[in-house]
Amino acid sequence: MLTSPEGMRPLEVVLPLKVQTYDIDFANHVNNQVYVRWLEDLRMEVLREHYPLDRLMGEGLAPILHSTQITYHRSIGLFEQPTGHMWCVQLGRATLSLRAEIVVENHVCATATQRGIFLKVGTTRPGRTPESLLEKFRAAGAEG
């Protein structure tokens, strides 16, 4: 298992997020479910930048989300402009762990950890993490 040293953000992506009127709940801030959608957008951006989904699936692998843990620190309002950050903290033989922050004006509004697995398409069997993704993660400072 490769792990990034504390404080490093290998394979980080940064994505401006948009608050829509339909994202606002009765308490007049972004509904908690919206953060899950934003995490999906961020995860797809990690793939787009570091190992495109069409390439991954063309190799017979699908990235499957296993778990999501979110901690909400500060609410986000309709006219605020959040930015999402996501990076990889661990890559295993068939698994990955990602961390994320949703930030508004240097204030961390939410943090999240997501864990996933690469599965062979058409089966429920784990596939191997692509070697070139592991190499990219090592080159970014991961150890293990």
Protein backbone atom coordinates (compact mmCIF):
# COMPACT_ATOMS: atom_id res chain seq x y z
CA MET A 1 0.00 0.00 0.00
CA LEU A 2 1.36 3.39 -0.98
CA THR A 3 0.60 6.30 1.37
CA SER A 4 1.19 10.02 0.96
CA PRO A 5 3.18 11.72 3.73
CA GLU A 6 1.13 13.93 6.07
CA GLY A 7 0.62 17.39 4.60
CA MET A 8 1.26 16.35 0.99
CA ARG A 9 -1.50 16.34 -1.61
CA PRO A 10 -0.48 14.04 -4.45
CA LEU A 11 -2.67 14.01 -7.55
CA GLU A 12 -4.58 17.04 -6.24
CA VAL A 13 -7.25 18.66 -8.35
CA VAL A 14 -8.96 21.98 -7.68
CA LEU A 15 -12.43 22.65 -9.04
CA PRO A 16 -14.65 25.73 -8.72
CA LEU A 17 -18.08 24.63 -7.48
CA LYS A 18 -21.35 26.37 -8.20
CA VAL A 19 -24.17 26.83 -5.73
CA GLN A 20 -27.50 26.58 -7.53
CA THR A 21 -30.80 27.91 -6.18
CA TYR A 22 -32.10 24.33 -5.93
CA ASP A 23 -29.10 23.44 -3.69
CA ILE A 24 -30.44 25.61 -0.86
CA ASP A 25 -32.51 23.96 1.88
CA PHE A 26 -35.05 25.34 4.35
CA ALA A 27 -32.26 26.61 6.64
CA ASN A 28 -31.07 28.83 3.74
CA HIS A 29 -27.75 27.08 3.15
CA VAL A 30 -26.43 24.34 0.85
CA ASN A 31 -28.13 21.02 1.58
CA ASN A 32 -25.82 18.26 2.82
CA GLN A 33 -26.67 16.06 -0.18
CA VAL A 34 -25.09 18.61 -2.51
CA TYR A 35 -21.68 17.93 -1.00
CA VAL A 36 -21.96 14.30 -2.12
CA ARG A 37 -22.58 15.50 -5.70
CA TRP A 38 -19.60 17.85 -5.45
CA LEU A 39 -17.42 14.97 -4.24
CA GLU A 40 -18.50 12.96 -7.29
CA ASP A 41 -17.55 15.91 -9.53
CA LEU A 42 -14.16 16.10 -7.81
CA ARG A 43 -13.55 12.36 -8.08
CA MET A 44 -14.33 12.45 -11.80
CA GLU A 45 -11.92 15.40 -12.14
CA VAL A 46 -9.17 13.35 -10.44
CA LEU A 47 -9.76 10.62 -13.02
CA ARG A 48 -10.01 13.09 -15.91
CA GLU A 49 -6.66 14.60 -14.99
CA HIS A 50 -4.71 11.55 -13.83
CA TYR A 51 -6.28 8.43 -15.43
CA PRO A 52 -9.29 9.12 -17.65
CA LEU A 53 -12.39 7.05 -17.03
CA ASP A 54 -12.68 5.93 -20.66
CA ARG A 55 -9.10 4.61 -20.52
CA LEU A 56 -9.74 2.87 -17.19
CA MET A 57 -12.96 1.25 -18.43
CA GLY A 58 -11.31 0.40 -21.75
CA GLU A 59 -8.84 -1.64 -19.69
CA GLY A 60 -11.75 -3.48 -18.09
CA LEU A 61 -11.77 -1.62 -14.76
CA ALA A 62 -14.47 0.41 -13.02
CA PRO A 63 -13.83 2.75 -10.06
CA ILE A 64 -16.41 1.83 -7.42
CA LEU A 65 -17.07 4.01 -4.39
CA HIS A 66 -17.04 2.02 -1.16
CA SER A 67 -17.56 4.72 1.49
CA THR A 68 -17.86 8.44 2.05
CA GLN A 69 -17.34 10.25 5.33
CA ILE A 70 -18.08 13.99 5.48
CA THR A 71 -17.58 16.44 8.31
CA TYR A 72 -19.39 19.76 7.97
CA HIS A 73 -17.53 22.68 9.54
CA ARG A 74 -19.35 25.77 8.24
CA SER A 75 -22.46 26.27 6.14
CA ILE A 76 -22.33 27.65 2.60
CA GLY A 77 -24.87 30.18 1.37
CA LEU A 78 -26.44 30.83 -2.02
CA PHE A 79 -24.11 33.58 -3.19
CA GLU A 80 -20.85 32.10 -1.94
CA GLN A 81 -18.29 30.65 -4.34
CA PRO A 82 -16.90 27.36 -3.00
CA THR A 83 -13.85 25.60 -4.37
CA GLY A 84 -13.29 21.87 -4.07
CA HIS A 85 -9.92 20.24 -3.51
CA MET A 86 -9.37 16.48 -3.78
CA TRP A 87 -6.21 14.41 -3.60
CA CYS A 88 -5.15 10.81 -3.17
CA VAL A 89 -3.83 9.66 0.22
CA GLN A 90 -3.50 5.90 -0.40
CA LEU A 91 -3.30 3.55 -3.35
CA GLY A 92 -3.30 -0.19 -2.83
CA ARG A 93 -3.33 -3.23 -5.10
CA ALA A 94 -6.98 -2.60 -5.95
CA THR A 95 -8.01 0.24 -3.62
CA LEU A 96 -7.74 3.98 -3.27
CA SER A 97 -8.44 6.57 -0.58
CA LEU A 98 -9.14 10.20 -1.37
CA ARG A 99 -9.46 13.28 0.80
CA ALA A 100 -11.33 16.44 -0.03
CA GLU A 101 -11.96 19.93 1.25
CA ILE A 102 -14.70 22.35 0.25
CA VAL A 103 -13.42 25.87 0.86
CA VAL A 104 -14.95 29.37 0.70
CA GLU A 105 -12.58 32.33 1.00
CA ASN A 106 -9.89 30.30 2.84
CA HIS A 107 -12.45 28.87 5.28
CA VAL A 108 -12.74 25.08 5.22
CA CYS A 109 -16.48 24.39 5.13
CA ALA A 110 -16.34 20.60 4.82
CA THR A 111 -13.79 17.80 4.79
CA ALA A 112 -14.33 14.33 3.42
CA THR A 113 -12.67 10.97 2.96
CA GLN A 114 -13.72 8.57 0.26
CA ARG A 115 -12.59 5.00 -0.21
CA GLY A 116 -12.97 3.03 -3.39
CA ILE A 117 -11.95 -0.08 -5.23
CA PHE A 118 -11.13 -0.91 -8.82
CA LEU A 119 -13.40 -3.74 -9.97
CA LYS A 120 -13.15 -5.80 -13.13
CA VAL A 121 -16.01 -4.73 -15.40
CA GLY A 122 -18.77 -7.33 -15.51
CA THR A 123 -17.68 -9.04 -12.30
CA THR A 124 -17.59 -8.32 -8.61
CA ARG A 125 -13.90 -9.18 -8.44
CA PRO A 126 -11.18 -6.65 -7.58
CA GLY A 127 -8.94 -5.53 -10.40
CA ARG A 128 -5.38 -4.26 -10.17
CA THR A 129 -4.71 -0.56 -9.71
CA PRO A 130 -3.13 0.54 -13.01
CA GLU A 131 0.65 0.55 -12.73
CA SER A 132 1.01 3.96 -14.40
CA LEU A 133 -1.33 5.46 -11.77
CA LEU A 134 0.80 3.90 -9.01
CA GLU A 135 3.92 5.34 -10.66
CA LYS A 136 2.34 8.78 -10.85
CA PHE A 137 1.43 8.56 -7.16
CA ARG A 138 5.00 7.49 -6.25
CA ALA A 139 6.43 10.36 -8.31
CA ALA A 140 4.22 12.77 -6.35
CA GLY A 141 5.87 11.68 -3.09
CA ALA A 142 3.92 8.61 -1.95
CA GLU A 143 5.79 6.06 0.11
CA GLY A 144 5.31 2.44 0.95
